[in-house]
Amino acid sequence: MKRKTLLFLSLALITGLIGFTGLSFSGIEIVRVMFLIFADLLIISLMAKLFFPDKSKVKYQPVDRK
């Protein structure tokens, strides 16, 4: 999910431009719903990056047991 942030951003922008620029065709409602879905997935992906960073960047320190 975290690796797909740019994909969700581009899909949300494309569907937002198609759905909310005044175009009218028979499937415009579907495009608008897809925009909402992609925007939600983008927000979830950004929050996952914020709250759950990569484990490869975390430094583990040994604990001295006495």
C-alpha atoms as a PDB file:
ATOM      1  CA  MET A   1       0.000   0.000   0.000  1.00  0.00           C
ATOM      2  CA  LYS A   2       2.811   2.405   0.837  1.00  0.00           C
ATOM      3  CA  ARG A   3       4.573   1.778  -2.467  1.00  0.00           C
ATOM      4  CA  LYS A   4       1.525   2.754  -4.486  1.00  0.00           C
ATOM      5  CA  THR A   5       1.224   6.363  -3.279  1.00  0.00           C
ATOM      6  CA  LEU A   6       2.297   7.898  -6.579  1.00  0.00           C
ATOM      7  CA  LEU A   7      -0.070   5.625  -8.488  1.00  0.00           C
ATOM      8  CA  PHE A   8      -3.014   6.698  -6.322  1.00  0.00           C
ATOM      9  CA  LEU A   9      -2.004  10.350  -6.696  1.00  0.00           C
ATOM     10  CA  SER A  10      -1.887  10.171 -10.481  1.00  0.00           C
ATOM     11  CA  LEU A  11      -5.157   8.231 -10.721  1.00  0.00           C
ATOM     12  CA  ALA A  12      -6.904  10.674  -8.389  1.00  0.00           C
ATOM     13  CA  LEU A  13      -5.666  13.640 -10.427  1.00  0.00           C
ATOM     14  CA  ILE A  14      -6.677  12.121 -13.759  1.00  0.00           C
ATOM     15  CA  THR A  15     -10.144  11.058 -12.626  1.00  0.00           C
ATOM     16  CA  GLY A  16     -10.634  14.388 -10.847  1.00  0.00           C
ATOM     17  CA  LEU A  17      -9.801  16.310 -13.996  1.00  0.00           C
ATOM     18  CA  ILE A  18     -12.091  14.161 -16.115  1.00  0.00           C
ATOM     19  CA  GLY A  19     -14.936  14.083 -13.602  1.00  0.00           C
ATOM     20  CA  PHE A  20     -15.084  17.677 -12.414  1.00  0.00           C
ATOM     21  CA  THR A  21     -14.145  19.835 -15.421  1.00  0.00           C
ATOM     22  CA  GLY A  22     -17.616  20.083 -16.885  1.00  0.00           C
ATOM     23  CA  LEU A  23     -17.472  17.198 -19.312  1.00  0.00           C
ATOM     24  CA  SER A  24     -20.761  15.397 -19.747  1.00  0.00           C
ATOM     25  CA  PHE A  25     -21.078  11.834 -20.919  1.00  0.00           C
ATOM     26  CA  SER A  26     -22.975   8.784 -19.764  1.00  0.00           C
ATOM     27  CA  GLY A  27     -20.311   7.468 -17.360  1.00  0.00           C
ATOM     28  CA  ILE A  28     -19.422  10.683 -15.545  1.00  0.00           C
ATOM     29  CA  GLU A  29     -20.886   9.461 -12.249  1.00  0.00           C
ATOM     30  CA  ILE A  30     -18.660   6.388 -12.348  1.00  0.00           C
ATOM     31  CA  VAL A  31     -15.596   8.573 -12.918  1.00  0.00           C
ATOM     32  CA  ARG A  32     -16.554  10.770  -9.956  1.00  0.00           C
ATOM     33  CA  VAL A  33     -16.975   7.736  -7.699  1.00  0.00           C
ATOM     34  CA  MET A  34     -13.611   6.427  -8.877  1.00  0.00           C
ATOM     35  CA  PHE A  35     -12.089   9.793  -7.965  1.00  0.00           C
ATOM     36  CA  LEU A  36     -13.431   9.488  -4.428  1.00  0.00           C
ATOM     37  CA  ILE A  37     -12.084   5.944  -4.116  1.00  0.00           C
ATOM     38  CA  PHE A  38      -8.618   6.893  -5.403  1.00  0.00           C
ATOM     39  CA  ALA A  39      -8.493   9.993  -3.204  1.00  0.00           C
ATOM     40  CA  ASP A  40      -9.359   7.885  -0.147  1.00  0.00           C
ATOM     41  CA  LEU A  41      -6.709   5.318  -1.032  1.00  0.00           C
ATOM     42  CA  LEU A  42      -4.177   8.130  -1.458  1.00  0.00           C
ATOM     43  CA  ILE A  43      -4.952   9.505   1.999  1.00  0.00           C
ATOM     44  CA  ILE A  44      -4.719   6.038   3.550  1.00  0.00           C
ATOM     45  CA  SER A  45      -1.407   5.428   1.809  1.00  0.00           C
ATOM     46  CA  LEU A  46       0.016   8.755   3.003  1.00  0.00           C
ATOM     47  CA  MET A  47      -1.098   8.071   6.559  1.00  0.00           C
ATOM     48  CA  ALA A  48       0.484   4.607   6.426  1.00  0.00           C
ATOM     49  CA  LYS A  49       3.770   6.193   5.374  1.00  0.00           C
ATOM     50  CA  LEU A  50       3.513   8.674   8.229  1.00  0.00           C
ATOM     51  CA  PHE A  51       2.612   6.259  11.015  1.00  0.00           C
ATOM     52  CA  PHE A  52       4.473   3.127   9.880  1.00  0.00           C
ATOM     53  CA  PRO A  53       7.925   4.022   8.564  1.00  0.00           C
ATOM     54  CA  ASP A  54      10.113   1.504   6.756  1.00  0.00           C
ATOM     55  CA  LYS A  55      11.701  -1.027   9.062  1.00  0.00           C
ATOM     56  CA  SER A  56      14.961  -0.805   7.128  1.00  0.00           C
ATOM     57  CA  LYS A  57      15.476   2.744   8.414  1.00  0.00           C
ATOM     58  CA  VAL A  58      14.982   1.791  12.065  1.00  0.00           C
ATOM     59  CA  LYS A  59      18.205   1.261  13.976  1.00  0.00           C
ATOM     60  CA  TYR A  60      18.197  -1.548  16.481  1.00  0.00           C
ATOM     61  CA  GLN A  61      20.398  -1.201  19.520  1.00  0.00           C
ATOM     62  CA  PRO A  62      21.422  -4.116  21.660  1.00  0.00           C
ATOM     63  CA  VAL A  63      20.194  -4.133  25.235  1.00  0.00           C
ATOM     64  CA  ASP A  64      22.723  -4.808  28.000  1.00  0.00           C
ATOM     65  CA  ARG A  65      21.378  -7.450  30.336  1.00  0.00           C
ATOM     66  CA  LYS A  66      22.879  -7.514  33.785  1.00  0.00           C
END
